[in-house]
Amino acid sequence: MAKEPQVYIRGRFMPASEAHISIYDFGIVLGATVTDLLRTFQQKAYRLEDHVHRFYDSCKYARIAPPISADETAKITTELVRINAEAAGPDAELAVVYFITPGENLVYAGSAASGGSKLTPTYCIHTFPMPFHLFRRFFETGLHLVTPSTRHVPPQCVDPKIKNRSRLHWWLAEQEAHLVDGGAMPLLLDLDGNLTETSGSNFLLVKNGTVYSPNPRNILLGISRKVVIELCRKEGIPFVERDLQIHDAMTADEAFVTTTPYCMAPVTRFNGVTVGNGAVGGPIYQRLLRAWSKEVGIDIRAQLMGQVPAKVSA
């Protein structure tokens, strides 16, 4: 029988089957949850420092103080990956999730009436095996992005640089996109009609050899997006941040999304219109994916497609 994965919650490790949160938790009552997610390559946490730093910045913005330091979180992450990688098997890669809430709503829990007044944050770190099979179609046929009528929450309300789970608008956008195409992914516009991001990835397009990103004020500053910026610099590919509209996406030479689970995936249709020549990954995308694979020592596409991951020399 496989060893049960461990979870770090409320200051200690425990089996995943024993890890629970209260129905009175503000994460349930208000959706007040700050989160982050990283993945492993060759069962080692990738960009750990970047993810931990972003998570703690999000906590500060949300006024939720983690009960342990960033350094302690990094150490616990490394240990949790080691333990759960053994349970998952030698060929598995893991996703690592951080989430924190303000704790229990004391009124709902009945604590306020008995004199309780101090919130105790609920802090959890857990893992799950990377479900690569769910992403294979993105690399076989490319993504279809649809811009629904649901708009992105403006930064004047909640800054999108804060990774959180208050995501009802994303749920609504996804349902609307699926009315157009059951396999489509929503790409939201801001209130002025500029492109922003999808629910789990940053959007980038290519025009005349330059990679363009939507304005940073409207998007999460993704770690995978950051990797692409670094790779563009190394490869001599111009990278520009500016307001982008639907016209820019529909007339792009290439488009792709960047995200932690599958790194980057090509976009082949936008609102039903073929992107570029319809190739599943244009030359700039392929160049960046090769450079990324070289950096992590794994053929990223081969791993996602379930092939034996060929080691790539650094």
C-alpha atoms as a PDB file:
ATOM      1  CA  MET A   1       0.000   0.000   0.000  1.00  0.00           C
ATOM      2  CA  ALA A   2       1.339   3.414  -0.990  1.00  0.00           C
ATOM      3  CA  LYS A   3       2.484   5.672   1.796  1.00  0.00           C
ATOM      4  CA  GLU A   4       0.016   8.480   2.486  1.00  0.00           C
ATOM      5  CA  PRO A   5       1.161  12.017   1.571  1.00  0.00           C
ATOM      6  CA  GLN A   6       1.883  14.390   4.438  1.00  0.00           C
ATOM      7  CA  VAL A   7       0.461  17.882   4.919  1.00  0.00           C
ATOM      8  CA  TYR A   8       1.862  20.741   6.988  1.00  0.00           C
ATOM      9  CA  ILE A   9      -1.020  22.521   8.746  1.00  0.00           C
ATOM     10  CA  ARG A  10      -1.340  24.453  11.984  1.00  0.00           C
ATOM     11  CA  GLY A  11       2.330  24.040  12.767  1.00  0.00           C
ATOM     12  CA  ARG A  12       2.796  20.304  12.281  1.00  0.00           C
ATOM     13  CA  PHE A  13       2.959  17.502   9.747  1.00  0.00           C
ATOM     14  CA  MET A  14       0.058  15.066   9.514  1.00  0.00           C
ATOM     15  CA  PRO A  15      -1.382  12.547   7.006  1.00  0.00           C
ATOM     16  CA  ALA A  16      -3.447  14.181   4.266  1.00  0.00           C
ATOM     17  CA  SER A  17      -6.564  12.271   5.363  1.00  0.00           C
ATOM     18  CA  GLU A  18      -6.414  14.017   8.739  1.00  0.00           C
ATOM     19  CA  ALA A  19      -5.882  17.565   7.432  1.00  0.00           C
ATOM     20  CA  HIS A  20      -9.086  19.630   7.571  1.00  0.00           C
ATOM     21  CA  ILE A  21     -10.226  23.204   8.022  1.00  0.00           C
ATOM     22  CA  SER A  22     -13.297  24.451   9.866  1.00  0.00           C
ATOM     23  CA  ILE A  23     -16.566  25.290   8.112  1.00  0.00           C
ATOM     24  CA  TYR A  24     -16.344  28.597  10.021  1.00  0.00           C
ATOM     25  CA  ASP A  25     -12.987  29.504   8.474  1.00  0.00           C
ATOM     26  CA  PHE A  26     -12.840  32.880   6.705  1.00  0.00           C
ATOM     27  CA  GLY A  27     -11.456  31.028   3.704  1.00  0.00           C
ATOM     28  CA  ILE A  28     -14.891  29.399   3.399  1.00  0.00           C
ATOM     29  CA  VAL A  29     -17.058  32.213   4.759  1.00  0.00           C
ATOM     30  CA  LEU A  30     -15.532  35.055   2.708  1.00  0.00           C
ATOM     31  CA  GLY A  31     -13.158  33.342   0.295  1.00  0.00           C
ATOM     32  CA  ALA A  32     -10.409  35.234   2.146  1.00  0.00           C
ATOM     33  CA  THR A  33      -7.461  33.072   1.140  1.00  0.00           C
ATOM     34  CA  VAL A  34      -3.985  33.961  -0.077  1.00  0.00           C
ATOM     35  CA  THR A  35      -2.243  31.203  -2.010  1.00  0.00           C
ATOM     36  CA  ASP A  36       0.679  30.224  -4.207  1.00  0.00           C
ATOM     37  CA  LEU A  37       1.735  27.148  -6.153  1.00  0.00           C
ATOM     38  CA  LEU A  38       5.088  25.868  -7.304  1.00  0.00           C
ATOM     39  CA  ARG A  39       6.210  22.647  -8.937  1.00  0.00           C
ATOM     40  CA  THR A  40       9.182  20.332  -8.939  1.00  0.00           C
ATOM     41  CA  PHE A  41      11.586  19.384 -11.674  1.00  0.00           C
ATOM     42  CA  GLN A  42      13.347  16.079 -11.004  1.00  0.00           C
ATOM     43  CA  GLN A  43      11.593  16.196  -7.610  1.00  0.00           C
ATOM     44  CA  LYS A  44      13.320  19.414  -6.563  1.00  0.00           C
ATOM     45  CA  ALA A  45      11.281  22.565  -5.863  1.00  0.00           C
ATOM     46  CA  TYR A  46      11.659  24.956  -8.818  1.00  0.00           C
ATOM     47  CA  ARG A  47      11.973  28.690  -8.207  1.00  0.00           C
ATOM     48  CA  LEU A  48      11.266  28.143  -4.523  1.00  0.00           C
ATOM     49  CA  GLU A  49      12.591  31.520  -3.408  1.00  0.00           C
ATOM     50  CA  ASP A  50      10.493  33.369  -6.011  1.00  0.00           C
ATOM     51  CA  HIS A  51       7.278  31.639  -4.989  1.00  0.00           C
ATOM     52  CA  VAL A  52       7.852  32.046  -1.261  1.00  0.00           C
ATOM     53  CA  HIS A  53       8.678  35.733  -1.727  1.00  0.00           C
ATOM     54  CA  ARG A  54       5.497  36.326  -3.756  1.00  0.00           C
ATOM     55  CA  PHE A  55       3.416  34.435  -1.192  1.00  0.00           C
ATOM     56  CA  TYR A  56       4.706  36.526   1.698  1.00  0.00           C
ATOM     57  CA  ASP A  57       4.150  39.723  -0.284  1.00  0.00           C
ATOM     58  CA  SER A  58       0.549  38.606  -0.892  1.00  0.00           C
ATOM     59  CA  CYS A  59       0.103  37.894   2.824  1.00  0.00           C
ATOM     60  CA  LYS A  60       1.365  41.365   3.721  1.00  0.00           C
ATOM     61  CA  TYR A  61      -1.066  42.985   1.283  1.00  0.00           C
ATOM     62  CA  ALA A  62      -3.933  40.894   2.676  1.00  0.00           C
ATOM     63  CA  ARG A  63      -2.999  41.724   6.292  1.00  0.00           C
ATOM     64  CA  ILE A  64      -2.613  38.042   7.162  1.00  0.00           C
ATOM     65  CA  ALA A  65       0.594  37.328   9.076  1.00  0.00           C
ATOM     66  CA  PRO A  66       2.031  33.823   8.501  1.00  0.00           C
ATOM     67  CA  PRO A  67       2.917  32.139  11.811  1.00  0.00           C
ATOM     68  CA  ILE A  68       6.387  31.212  10.549  1.00  0.00           C
ATOM     69  CA  SER A  69       9.111  33.013   8.605  1.00  0.00           C
ATOM     70  CA  ALA A  70       9.746  32.779   4.881  1.00  0.00           C
ATOM     71  CA  ASP A  71      12.954  30.831   5.556  1.00  0.00           C
ATOM     72  CA  GLU A  72      11.028  28.329   7.681  1.00  0.00           C
ATOM     73  CA  THR A  73       8.438  27.954   4.927  1.00  0.00           C
ATOM     74  CA  ALA A  74      11.195  27.196   2.409  1.00  0.00           C
ATOM     75  CA  LYS A  75      12.716  24.562   4.730  1.00  0.00           C
ATOM     76  CA  ILE A  76       9.327  22.921   5.349  1.00  0.00           C
ATOM     77  CA  THR A  77       8.652  22.921   1.599  1.00  0.00           C
ATOM     78  CA  THR A  78      11.916  21.099   0.901  1.00  0.00           C
ATOM     79  CA  GLU A  79      11.170  18.514   3.580  1.00  0.00           C
ATOM     80  CA  LEU A  80       7.564  18.022   2.428  1.00  0.00           C
ATOM     81  CA  VAL A  81       8.710  17.501  -1.165  1.00  0.00           C
ATOM     82  CA  ARG A  82      11.250  14.919   0.009  1.00  0.00           C
ATOM     83  CA  ILE A  83       8.651  12.991   2.037  1.00  0.00           C
ATOM     84  CA  ASN A  84       5.846  13.116  -0.531  1.00  0.00           C
ATOM     85  CA  ALA A  85       8.089  12.414  -3.515  1.00  0.00           C
ATOM     86  CA  GLU A  86       8.931   9.090  -1.901  1.00  0.00           C
ATOM     87  CA  ALA A  87       5.212   8.357  -1.606  1.00  0.00           C
ATOM     88  CA  ALA A  88       4.489   9.445  -5.200  1.00  0.00           C
ATOM     89  CA  GLY A  89       7.220   7.348  -6.809  1.00  0.00           C
ATOM     90  CA  PRO A  90      10.529   8.052  -8.571  1.00  0.00           C
ATOM     91  CA  ASP A  91       9.052   9.392 -11.829  1.00  0.00           C
ATOM     92  CA  ALA A  92       6.428  11.699 -10.305  1.00  0.00           C
ATOM     93  CA  GLU A  93       6.672  15.457 -10.112  1.00  0.00           C
ATOM     94  CA  LEU A  94       4.807  17.373  -7.422  1.00  0.00           C
ATOM     95  CA  ALA A  95       2.875  20.598  -7.175  1.00  0.00           C
ATOM     96  CA  VAL A  96       3.303  22.387  -3.847  1.00  0.00           C
ATOM     97  CA  VAL A  97       0.450  24.577  -2.620  1.00  0.00           C
ATOM     98  CA  TYR A  98       0.587  27.269   0.033  1.00  0.00           C
ATOM     99  CA  PHE A  99      -2.580  28.772   1.419  1.00  0.00           C
ATOM    100  CA  ILE A 100      -3.400  30.909   4.403  1.00  0.00           C
ATOM    101  CA  THR A 101      -6.650  32.371   5.737  1.00  0.00           C
ATOM    102  CA  PRO A 102      -7.317  34.772   8.624  1.00  0.00           C
ATOM    103  CA  GLY A 103      -8.665  31.796  10.601  1.00  0.00           C
ATOM    104  CA  GLU A 104     -12.140  31.133  11.979  1.00  0.00           C
ATOM    105  CA  ASN A 105     -14.947  33.662  11.912  1.00  0.00           C
ATOM    106  CA  LEU A 106     -15.380  34.002  15.657  1.00  0.00           C
ATOM    107  CA  VAL A 107     -19.058  34.962  15.393  1.00  0.00           C
ATOM    108  CA  TYR A 108     -19.902  31.889  13.303  1.00  0.00           C
ATOM    109  CA  ALA A 109     -17.796  29.648  15.557  1.00  0.00           C
ATOM    110  CA  GLY A 110     -19.384  31.005  18.748  1.00  0.00           C
ATOM    111  CA  SER A 111     -16.042  32.163  20.140  1.00  0.00           C
ATOM    112  CA  ALA A 112     -16.933  35.862  20.156  1.00  0.00           C
ATOM    113  CA  ALA A 113     -19.767  35.297  22.620  1.00  0.00           C
ATOM    114  CA  SER A 114     -17.396  33.506  25.015  1.00  0.00           C
ATOM    115  CA  GLY A 115     -14.871  36.320  24.983  1.00  0.00           C
ATOM    116  CA  GLY A 116     -12.573  35.185  22.177  1.00  0.00           C
ATOM    117  CA  SER A 117     -11.272  38.029  20.026  1.00  0.00           C
ATOM    118  CA  LYS A 118      -7.973  37.046  18.416  1.00  0.00           C
ATOM    119  CA  LEU A 119      -7.881  35.410  15.008  1.00  0.00           C
ATOM    120  CA  THR A 120      -5.440  32.540  14.506  1.00  0.00           C
ATOM    121  CA  PRO A 121      -4.514  32.192  10.823  1.00  0.00           C
ATOM    122  CA  THR A 122      -4.973  28.824   9.151  1.00  0.00           C
ATOM    123  CA  TYR A 123      -1.714  28.087   7.322  1.00  0.00           C
ATOM    124  CA  CYS A 124      -1.282  24.990   5.173  1.00  0.00           C
ATOM    125  CA  ILE A 125       1.335  23.584   2.830  1.00  0.00           C
ATOM    126  CA  HIS A 126       0.415  20.489   0.830  1.00  0.00           C
ATOM    127  CA  THR A 127       1.360  18.708  -2.381  1.00  0.00           C
ATOM    128  CA  PHE A 128      -0.236  16.664  -5.125  1.00  0.00           C
ATOM    129  CA  PRO A 129       1.225  14.707  -8.055  1.00  0.00           C
ATOM    130  CA  MET A 130       1.372  16.763 -11.251  1.00  0.00           C
ATOM    131  CA  PRO A 131      -1.528  15.611 -13.508  1.00  0.00           C
ATOM    132  CA  PHE A 132       0.345  15.972 -16.788  1.00  0.00           C
ATOM    133  CA  HIS A 133      -2.308  14.021 -18.709  1.00  0.00           C
ATOM    134  CA  LEU A 134      -4.754  16.911 -18.224  1.00  0.00           C
ATOM    135  CA  PHE A 135      -2.488  19.271 -20.153  1.00  0.00           C
ATOM    136  CA  ARG A 136      -1.544  17.103 -23.127  1.00  0.00           C
ATOM    137  CA  ARG A 137      -4.270  18.429 -25.402  1.00  0.00           C
ATOM    138  CA  PHE A 138      -2.763  21.917 -25.077  1.00  0.00           C
ATOM    139  CA  PHE A 139       0.408  20.594 -26.727  1.00  0.00           C
ATOM    140  CA  GLU A 140      -1.430  18.503 -29.311  1.00  0.00           C
ATOM    141  CA  THR A 141      -3.913  21.064 -30.659  1.00  0.00           C
ATOM    142  CA  GLY A 142      -3.097  24.296 -28.827  1.00  0.00           C
ATOM    143  CA  LEU A 143      -5.342  26.430 -26.668  1.00  0.00           C
ATOM    144  CA  HIS A 144      -8.472  28.263 -27.702  1.00  0.00           C
ATOM    145  CA  LEU A 145      -8.818  31.520 -25.739  1.00  0.00           C
ATOM    146  CA  VAL A 146     -12.156  33.310 -25.510  1.00  0.00           C
ATOM    147  CA  THR A 147     -12.852  36.790 -24.110  1.00  0.00           C
ATOM    148  CA  PRO A 148     -16.123  36.556 -22.134  1.00  0.00           C
ATOM    149  CA  SER A 149     -18.319  39.469 -21.020  1.00  0.00           C
ATOM    150  CA  THR A 150     -17.127  38.969 -17.433  1.00  0.00           C
ATOM    151  CA  ARG A 151     -14.340  41.505 -16.808  1.00  0.00           C
ATOM    152  CA  HIS A 152     -11.245  41.250 -14.648  1.00  0.00           C
ATOM    153  CA  VAL A 153     -11.483  42.714 -11.143  1.00  0.00           C
ATOM    154  CA  PRO A 154      -9.826  46.145 -11.483  1.00  0.00           C
ATOM    155  CA  PRO A 155      -6.625  46.854  -9.521  1.00  0.00           C
ATOM    156  CA  GLN A 156      -8.479  49.687  -7.766  1.00  0.00           C
ATOM    157  CA  CYS A 157     -10.477  46.935  -5.984  1.00  0.00           C
ATOM    158  CA  VAL A 158      -8.065  44.027  -5.563  1.00  0.00           C
ATOM    159  CA  ASP A 159      -4.564  44.204  -6.981  1.00  0.00           C
ATOM    160  CA  PRO A 160      -4.102  41.207  -9.317  1.00  0.00           C
ATOM    161  CA  LYS A 161      -0.463  40.927  -8.209  1.00  0.00           C
ATOM    162  CA  ILE A 162      -1.880  39.283  -5.071  1.00  0.00           C
ATOM    163  CA  LYS A 163      -2.472  35.592  -5.710  1.00  0.00           C
ATOM    164  CA  ASN A 164      -5.720  34.736  -3.961  1.00  0.00           C
ATOM    165  CA  ARG A 165      -8.686  32.375  -4.073  1.00  0.00           C
ATOM    166  CA  SER A 166     -11.479  34.955  -4.234  1.00  0.00           C
ATOM    167  CA  ARG A 167     -12.247  33.722  -7.731  1.00  0.00           C
ATOM    168  CA  LEU A 168     -15.987  33.644  -8.409  1.00  0.00           C
ATOM    169  CA  HIS A 169     -15.507  35.929 -11.412  1.00  0.00           C
ATOM    170  CA  TRP A 170     -13.150  33.358 -12.922  1.00  0.00           C
ATOM    171  CA  TRP A 171     -15.722  30.615 -12.414  1.00  0.00           C
ATOM    172  CA  LEU A 172     -18.363  32.732 -14.183  1.00  0.00           C
ATOM    173  CA  ALA A 173     -15.952  33.559 -17.007  1.00  0.00           C
ATOM    174  CA  GLU A 174     -15.115  29.896 -17.517  1.00  0.00           C
ATOM    175  CA  GLN A 175     -18.779  28.901 -17.735  1.00  0.00           C
ATOM    176  CA  GLU A 176     -19.342  31.608 -20.320  1.00  0.00           C
ATOM    177  CA  ALA A 177     -16.306  30.570 -22.376  1.00  0.00           C
ATOM    178  CA  HIS A 178     -17.519  26.969 -22.367  1.00  0.00           C
ATOM    179  CA  LEU A 179     -20.762  28.054 -24.014  1.00  0.00           C
ATOM    180  CA  VAL A 180     -18.604  29.020 -27.003  1.00  0.00           C
ATOM    181  CA  ASP A 181     -16.279  26.008 -26.862  1.00  0.00           C
ATOM    182  CA  GLY A 182     -16.282  23.320 -24.184  1.00  0.00           C
ATOM    183  CA  GLY A 183     -12.495  23.222 -24.241  1.00  0.00           C
ATOM    184  CA  ALA A 184     -11.892  26.975 -24.352  1.00  0.00           C
ATOM    185  CA  MET A 185     -10.092  28.970 -21.680  1.00  0.00           C
ATOM    186  CA  PRO A 186     -11.273  32.484 -20.747  1.00  0.00           C
ATOM    187  CA  LEU A 187      -8.931  35.448 -21.208  1.00  0.00           C
ATOM    188  CA  LEU A 188     -10.427  38.411 -19.399  1.00  0.00           C
ATOM    189  CA  LEU A 189     -10.449  42.032 -20.513  1.00  0.00           C
ATOM    190  CA  ASP A 190     -10.123  44.911 -18.089  1.00  0.00           C
ATOM    191  CA  LEU A 191     -12.800  47.601 -17.842  1.00  0.00           C
ATOM    192  CA  ASP A 192     -11.144  49.519 -20.710  1.00  0.00           C
ATOM    193  CA  GLY A 193     -11.020  46.536 -23.080  1.00  0.00           C
ATOM    194  CA  ASN A 194      -7.346  45.670 -22.580  1.00  0.00           C
ATOM    195  CA  LEU A 195      -6.200  42.054 -22.410  1.00  0.00           C
ATOM    196  CA  THR A 196      -5.262  40.781 -18.951  1.00  0.00           C
ATOM    197  CA  GLU A 197      -4.794  37.071 -18.115  1.00  0.00           C
ATOM    198  CA  THR A 198      -6.491  33.706 -17.796  1.00  0.00           C
ATOM    199  CA  SER A 199      -7.545  32.164 -14.490  1.00  0.00           C
ATOM    200  CA  GLY A 200      -4.276  30.281 -14.123  1.00  0.00           C
ATOM    201  CA  SER A 201      -1.798  31.702 -16.609  1.00  0.00           C
ATOM    202  CA  ASN A 202      -0.275  34.809 -18.114  1.00  0.00           C
ATOM    203  CA  PHE A 203      -0.897  35.585 -21.778  1.00  0.00           C
ATOM    204  CA  LEU A 204       1.880  36.588 -24.185  1.00  0.00           C
ATOM    205  CA  LEU A 205       1.860  37.202 -27.934  1.00  0.00           C
ATOM    206  CA  VAL A 206       4.513  37.522 -30.608  1.00  0.00           C
ATOM    207  CA  LYS A 207       4.546  40.098 -33.403  1.00  0.00           C
ATOM    208  CA  ASN A 208       7.470  40.642 -35.785  1.00  0.00           C
ATOM    209  CA  GLY A 209       9.894  38.781 -33.539  1.00  0.00           C
ATOM    210  CA  THR A 210       8.984  40.665 -30.340  1.00  0.00           C
ATOM    211  CA  VAL A 211       7.202  39.120 -27.349  1.00  0.00           C
ATOM    212  CA  TYR A 212       4.459  41.353 -25.922  1.00  0.00           C
ATOM    213  CA  SER A 213       2.849  41.188 -22.478  1.00  0.00           C
ATOM    214  CA  PRO A 214      -0.268  42.942 -21.180  1.00  0.00           C
ATOM    215  CA  ASN A 215       0.400  45.857 -18.858  1.00  0.00           C
ATOM    216  CA  PRO A 216       1.667  44.636 -15.446  1.00  0.00           C
ATOM    217  CA  ARG A 217      -0.920  46.731 -13.586  1.00  0.00           C
ATOM    218  CA  ASN A 218      -3.647  44.317 -14.740  1.00  0.00           C
ATOM    219  CA  ILE A 219      -2.048  40.918 -14.159  1.00  0.00           C
ATOM    220  CA  LEU A 220      -0.438  38.578 -11.678  1.00  0.00           C
ATOM    221  CA  LEU A 221       3.324  38.787 -12.030  1.00  0.00           C
ATOM    222  CA  GLY A 222       3.703  35.101 -12.800  1.00  0.00           C
ATOM    223  CA  ILE A 223       6.913  33.292 -11.967  1.00  0.00           C
ATOM    224  CA  SER A 224       6.740  31.446 -15.299  1.00  0.00           C
ATOM    225  CA  ARG A 225       6.286  34.806 -17.021  1.00  0.00           C
ATOM    226  CA  LYS A 226       9.416  35.959 -15.198  1.00  0.00           C
ATOM    227  CA  VAL A 227      11.284  32.907 -16.526  1.00  0.00           C
ATOM    228  CA  VAL A 228      10.235  33.793 -20.076  1.00  0.00           C
ATOM    229  CA  ILE A 229      11.474  37.366 -19.601  1.00  0.00           C
ATOM    230  CA  GLU A 230      14.846  35.996 -18.473  1.00  0.00           C
ATOM    231  CA  LEU A 231      14.986  33.531 -21.370  1.00  0.00           C
ATOM    232  CA  CYS A 232      14.115  36.278 -23.859  1.00  0.00           C
ATOM    233  CA  ARG A 233      16.997  38.323 -22.516  1.00  0.00           C
ATOM    234  CA  LYS A 234      19.390  35.374 -22.886  1.00  0.00           C
ATOM    235  CA  GLU A 235      18.118  34.542 -26.370  1.00  0.00           C
ATOM    236  CA  GLY A 236      18.180  38.149 -27.581  1.00  0.00           C
ATOM    237  CA  ILE A 237      14.401  38.284 -28.078  1.00  0.00           C
ATOM    238  CA  PRO A 238      12.802  41.699 -27.384  1.00  0.00           C
ATOM    239  CA  PHE A 239      10.162  41.696 -24.601  1.00  0.00           C
ATOM    240  CA  VAL A 240       7.712  44.590 -24.308  1.00  0.00           C
ATOM    241  CA  GLU A 241       5.006  45.333 -21.710  1.00  0.00           C
ATOM    242  CA  ARG A 242       2.099  47.526 -22.849  1.00  0.00           C
ATOM    243  CA  ASP A 243      -1.664  47.689 -23.145  1.00  0.00           C
ATOM    244  CA  LEU A 244      -2.896  45.089 -25.631  1.00  0.00           C
ATOM    245  CA  GLN A 245      -6.328  44.746 -27.186  1.00  0.00           C
ATOM    246  CA  ILE A 246      -8.259  41.975 -28.937  1.00  0.00           C
ATOM    247  CA  HIS A 247      -6.955  43.248 -32.280  1.00  0.00           C
ATOM    248  CA  ASP A 248      -3.374  42.586 -31.142  1.00  0.00           C
ATOM    249  CA  ALA A 249      -4.189  38.984 -30.248  1.00  0.00           C
ATOM    250  CA  MET A 250      -6.122  38.255 -33.420  1.00  0.00           C
ATOM    251  CA  THR A 251      -3.363  39.625 -35.648  1.00  0.00           C
ATOM    252  CA  ALA A 252      -0.426  38.138 -33.713  1.00  0.00           C
ATOM    253  CA  ASP A 253       2.111  35.861 -35.378  1.00  0.00           C
ATOM    254  CA  GLU A 254       2.115  33.611 -32.294  1.00  0.00           C
ATOM    255  CA  ALA A 255       0.541  33.500 -28.858  1.00  0.00           C
ATOM    256  CA  PHE A 256       1.090  31.376 -25.778  1.00  0.00           C
ATOM    257  CA  VAL A 257       0.363  31.210 -22.070  1.00  0.00           C
ATOM    258  CA  THR A 258       2.817  30.726 -19.215  1.00  0.00           C
ATOM    259  CA  THR A 259       1.982  28.943 -15.985  1.00  0.00           C
ATOM    260  CA  THR A 260       3.656  26.857 -13.288  1.00  0.00           C
ATOM    261  CA  PRO A 261       2.094  23.412 -14.019  1.00  0.00           C
ATOM    262  CA  TYR A 262       3.007  23.124 -17.718  1.00  0.00           C
ATOM    263  CA  CYS A 263       5.374  26.097 -18.147  1.00  0.00           C
ATOM    264  CA  MET A 264       4.119  27.370 -21.493  1.00  0.00           C
ATOM    265  CA  ALA A 265       1.508  26.213 -23.986  1.00  0.00           C
ATOM    266  CA  PRO A 266       0.724  27.504 -27.487  1.00  0.00           C
ATOM    267  CA  VAL A 267      -2.492  29.364 -28.336  1.00  0.00           C
ATOM    268  CA  THR A 268      -3.826  28.391 -31.754  1.00  0.00           C
ATOM    269  CA  ARG A 269      -7.230  30.130 -31.696  1.00  0.00           C
ATOM    270  CA  PHE A 270      -8.495  33.372 -30.258  1.00  0.00           C
ATOM    271  CA  ASN A 271     -12.266  33.989 -30.224  1.00  0.00           C
ATOM    272  CA  GLY A 272     -12.595  31.330 -32.908  1.00  0.00           C
ATOM    273  CA  VAL A 273      -9.983  32.909 -35.207  1.00  0.00           C
ATOM    274  CA  THR A 274      -6.745  31.087 -36.054  1.00  0.00           C
ATOM    275  CA  VAL A 275      -3.646  32.654 -34.513  1.00  0.00           C
ATOM    276  CA  GLY A 276      -0.873  33.160 -37.059  1.00  0.00           C
ATOM    277  CA  ASN A 277      -0.672  30.182 -39.390  1.00  0.00           C
ATOM    278  CA  GLY A 278      -2.330  27.880 -36.869  1.00  0.00           C
ATOM    279  CA  ALA A 279       0.867  26.019 -35.965  1.00  0.00           C
ATOM    280  CA  VAL A 280       0.902  24.410 -32.530  1.00  0.00           C
ATOM    281  CA  GLY A 281       3.801  26.494 -31.337  1.00  0.00           C
ATOM    282  CA  GLY A 282       5.589  28.998 -33.563  1.00  0.00           C
ATOM    283  CA  PRO A 283       9.354  29.523 -33.850  1.00  0.00           C
ATOM    284  CA  ILE A 284       9.676  31.921 -30.890  1.00  0.00           C
ATOM    285  CA  TYR A 285       7.616  29.618 -28.665  1.00  0.00           C
ATOM    286  CA  GLN A 286       9.682  26.578 -29.671  1.00  0.00           C
ATOM    287  CA  ARG A 287      12.923  28.459 -29.105  1.00  0.00           C
ATOM    288  CA  LEU A 288      11.881  29.516 -25.602  1.00  0.00           C
ATOM    289  CA  LEU A 289      10.603  26.051 -24.692  1.00  0.00           C
ATOM    290  CA  ARG A 290      13.920  24.495 -25.743  1.00  0.00           C
ATOM    291  CA  ALA A 291      15.814  27.056 -23.662  1.00  0.00           C
ATOM    292  CA  TRP A 292      13.571  26.375 -20.650  1.00  0.00           C
ATOM    293  CA  SER A 293      14.035  22.605 -21.030  1.00  0.00           C
ATOM    294  CA  LYS A 294      17.788  23.119 -21.100  1.00  0.00           C
ATOM    295  CA  GLU A 295      17.613  25.186 -17.905  1.00  0.00           C
ATOM    296  CA  VAL A 296      15.741  22.506 -15.925  1.00  0.00           C
ATOM    297  CA  GLY A 297      17.475  19.507 -17.515  1.00  0.00           C
ATOM    298  CA  ILE A 298      14.194  17.951 -18.669  1.00  0.00           C
ATOM    299  CA  ASP A 299      12.469  17.906 -22.053  1.00  0.00           C
ATOM    300  CA  ILE A 300       9.339  19.699 -20.809  1.00  0.00           C
ATOM    301  CA  ARG A 301       7.092  18.682 -23.688  1.00  0.00           C
ATOM    302  CA  ALA A 302       8.222  15.045 -23.571  1.00  0.00           C
ATOM    303  CA  GLN A 303       7.498  14.887 -19.850  1.00  0.00           C
ATOM    304  CA  LEU A 304       4.031  16.364 -20.319  1.00  0.00           C
ATOM    305  CA  MET A 305       3.253  13.976 -23.147  1.00  0.00           C
ATOM    306  CA  GLY A 306       4.084  10.973 -20.962  1.00  0.00           C
ATOM    307  CA  GLN A 307       7.242  10.077 -22.838  1.00  0.00           C
ATOM    308  CA  VAL A 308      10.332   8.994 -20.933  1.00  0.00           C
ATOM    309  CA  PRO A 309      11.782  12.394 -19.980  1.00  0.00           C
ATOM    310  CA  ALA A 310      15.051  12.721 -21.854  1.00  0.00           C
ATOM    311  CA  LYS A 311      17.662  14.464 -19.752  1.00  0.00           C
ATOM    312  CA  VAL A 312      18.741  17.722 -21.359  1.00  0.00           C
ATOM    313  CA  SER A 313      22.309  18.870 -20.863  1.00  0.00           C
ATOM    314  CA  ALA A 314      22.625  22.184 -19.038  1.00  0.00           C
END
